């Protein structure tokens, strides 16, 4: 009876290790992923009404006033939005 209990315990421990190992490896490889990442404050939410009639929803942190130009600049994209109407949404 004792041998069966030991085998069963080993089997349960092996299954638990196989199930938990990928999760533990992921947490060790990517420690900052998930909800604990601090989000950057981008300011108020705005709507940009473009001259062609389209609208663009974004945050004021992405809007850059450069001399006589107004630019929308995100991490991968930049667009000249000079002449567009900027509407600030209530907080």
C-alpha atoms as a PDB file:
ATOM      1  CA  UNK A   1       0.000   0.000   0.000  1.00  0.00           C
ATOM      2  CA  UNK A   2       2.866   2.340   0.784  1.00  0.00           C
ATOM      3  CA  UNK A   3       4.432   1.828  -2.647  1.00  0.00           C
ATOM      4  CA  UNK A   4       1.177   2.774  -4.380  1.00  0.00           C
ATOM      5  CA  UNK A   5       0.960   5.985  -2.365  1.00  0.00           C
ATOM      6  CA  UNK A   6       4.546   6.917  -3.276  1.00  0.00           C
ATOM      7  CA  UNK A   7       3.902   6.231  -6.966  1.00  0.00           C
ATOM      8  CA  UNK A   8       0.724   8.297  -6.855  1.00  0.00           C
ATOM      9  CA  UNK A   9       2.538  11.158  -5.112  1.00  0.00           C
ATOM     10  CA  UNK A  10       5.333  11.060  -7.698  1.00  0.00           C
ATOM     11  CA  UNK A  11       2.806  11.064 -10.512  1.00  0.00           C
ATOM     12  CA  UNK A  12       0.946  14.072  -9.061  1.00  0.00           C
ATOM     13  CA  UNK A  13       4.206  15.939  -8.468  1.00  0.00           C
ATOM     14  CA  UNK A  14       5.370  15.234 -12.041  1.00  0.00           C
ATOM     15  CA  UNK A  15       2.080  16.421 -13.517  1.00  0.00           C
ATOM     16  CA  UNK A  16       2.163  19.586 -11.387  1.00  0.00           C
ATOM     17  CA  UNK A  17       5.727  20.297 -12.472  1.00  0.00           C
ATOM     18  CA  UNK A  18       4.900  19.789 -16.158  1.00  0.00           C
ATOM     19  CA  UNK A  19       1.891  22.105 -15.891  1.00  0.00           C
ATOM     20  CA  UNK A  20       3.614  24.844 -13.870  1.00  0.00           C
ATOM     21  CA  UNK A  21       7.032  24.846 -15.583  1.00  0.00           C
ATOM     22  CA  UNK A  22       5.963  26.869 -18.673  1.00  0.00           C
ATOM     23  CA  UNK A  23       4.219  29.470 -16.510  1.00  0.00           C
ATOM     24  CA  UNK A  24       7.273  29.872 -14.267  1.00  0.00           C
ATOM     25  CA  UNK A  25       9.597  30.073 -17.289  1.00  0.00           C
ATOM     26  CA  UNK A  26       7.399  32.763 -18.880  1.00  0.00           C
ATOM     27  CA  UNK A  27       7.372  34.854 -15.693  1.00  0.00           C
ATOM     28  CA  UNK A  28      11.147  34.598 -15.412  1.00  0.00           C
ATOM     29  CA  UNK A  29      11.699  35.486 -19.089  1.00  0.00           C
ATOM     30  CA  UNK A  30       9.209  38.408 -19.177  1.00  0.00           C
ATOM     31  CA  UNK A  31       9.083  39.886 -15.666  1.00  0.00           C
ATOM     32  CA  UNK A  32       7.505  43.221 -16.690  1.00  0.00           C
ATOM     33  CA  UNK A  33       4.664  41.882 -18.798  1.00  0.00           C
ATOM     34  CA  UNK A  34       1.126  42.040 -17.565  1.00  0.00           C
ATOM     35  CA  UNK A  35      -0.872  44.511 -15.517  1.00  0.00           C
ATOM     36  CA  UNK A  36       2.027  45.606 -13.316  1.00  0.00           C
ATOM     37  CA  UNK A  37       3.497  47.708 -16.172  1.00  0.00           C
ATOM     38  CA  UNK A  38       3.188  51.439 -15.456  1.00  0.00           C
ATOM     39  CA  UNK A  39       1.369  53.280 -18.223  1.00  0.00           C
ATOM     40  CA  UNK A  40       2.673  56.585 -19.500  1.00  0.00           C
ATOM     41  CA  UNK A  41       0.464  59.628 -18.846  1.00  0.00           C
ATOM     42  CA  UNK A  42      -0.503  60.896 -22.302  1.00  0.00           C
ATOM     43  CA  UNK A  43      -2.842  63.656 -21.174  1.00  0.00           C
ATOM     44  CA  UNK A  44      -6.460  64.196 -22.044  1.00  0.00           C
ATOM     45  CA  UNK A  45      -8.292  62.275 -24.718  1.00  0.00           C
ATOM     46  CA  UNK A  46      -8.942  64.293 -27.869  1.00  0.00           C
ATOM     47  CA  UNK A  47     -10.675  63.985 -31.218  1.00  0.00           C
ATOM     48  CA  UNK A  48      -8.923  65.442 -34.261  1.00  0.00           C
ATOM     49  CA  UNK A  49     -11.300  66.432 -37.079  1.00  0.00           C
ATOM     50  CA  UNK A  50      -9.173  66.227 -40.228  1.00  0.00           C
ATOM     51  CA  UNK A  51      -9.750  68.548 -43.220  1.00  0.00           C
ATOM     52  CA  UNK A  52     -10.901  65.605 -45.400  1.00  0.00           C
ATOM     53  CA  UNK A  53     -13.782  64.880 -42.973  1.00  0.00           C
ATOM     54  CA  UNK A  54     -12.243  61.913 -41.148  1.00  0.00           C
ATOM     55  CA  UNK A  55     -11.803  61.869 -37.381  1.00  0.00           C
ATOM     56  CA  UNK A  56      -8.937  60.528 -35.317  1.00  0.00           C
ATOM     57  CA  UNK A  57      -9.211  59.626 -31.616  1.00  0.00           C
ATOM     58  CA  UNK A  58      -5.951  60.070 -29.691  1.00  0.00           C
ATOM     59  CA  UNK A  59      -4.356  61.711 -26.639  1.00  0.00           C
ATOM     60  CA  UNK A  60      -2.895  65.198 -26.386  1.00  0.00           C
ATOM     61  CA  UNK A  61       0.540  63.755 -25.568  1.00  0.00           C
ATOM     62  CA  UNK A  62       0.831  62.676 -29.215  1.00  0.00           C
ATOM     63  CA  UNK A  63       0.150  66.186 -30.587  1.00  0.00           C
ATOM     64  CA  UNK A  64       3.219  68.327 -31.251  1.00  0.00           C
ATOM     65  CA  UNK A  65       3.022  72.053 -32.042  1.00  0.00           C
ATOM     66  CA  UNK A  66       6.127  72.785 -34.133  1.00  0.00           C
ATOM     67  CA  UNK A  67       6.412  76.445 -35.238  1.00  0.00           C
ATOM     68  CA  UNK A  68       3.571  76.828 -37.774  1.00  0.00           C
ATOM     69  CA  UNK A  69       2.797  73.081 -38.035  1.00  0.00           C
ATOM     70  CA  UNK A  70       0.728  70.750 -35.907  1.00  0.00           C
ATOM     71  CA  UNK A  71       1.902  67.133 -35.975  1.00  0.00           C
ATOM     72  CA  UNK A  72       0.506  63.861 -34.691  1.00  0.00           C
ATOM     73  CA  UNK A  73       3.433  61.645 -33.715  1.00  0.00           C
ATOM     74  CA  UNK A  74       3.160  58.187 -32.184  1.00  0.00           C
ATOM     75  CA  UNK A  75       5.824  55.540 -31.782  1.00  0.00           C
ATOM     76  CA  UNK A  76       5.682  54.355 -35.409  1.00  0.00           C
ATOM     77  CA  UNK A  77       3.668  57.009 -37.245  1.00  0.00           C
ATOM     78  CA  UNK A  78       3.821  60.743 -37.937  1.00  0.00           C
ATOM     79  CA  UNK A  79       1.180  62.827 -39.703  1.00  0.00           C
ATOM     80  CA  UNK A  80       0.855  66.538 -40.422  1.00  0.00           C
ATOM     81  CA  UNK A  81      -2.540  67.604 -39.048  1.00  0.00           C
ATOM     82  CA  UNK A  82      -2.132  71.339 -39.652  1.00  0.00           C
ATOM     83  CA  UNK A  83      -5.539  72.885 -40.350  1.00  0.00           C
ATOM     84  CA  UNK A  84      -7.377  70.224 -38.353  1.00  0.00           C
ATOM     85  CA  UNK A  85      -9.795  71.027 -35.560  1.00  0.00           C
ATOM     86  CA  UNK A  86      -8.842  69.560 -32.167  1.00  0.00           C
ATOM     87  CA  UNK A  87     -11.706  68.760 -29.785  1.00  0.00           C
ATOM     88  CA  UNK A  88     -10.854  68.029 -26.150  1.00  0.00           C
ATOM     89  CA  UNK A  89     -13.131  65.474 -24.505  1.00  0.00           C
ATOM     90  CA  UNK A  90     -14.293  66.056 -20.921  1.00  0.00           C
ATOM     91  CA  UNK A  91     -12.254  64.290 -18.271  1.00  0.00           C
END
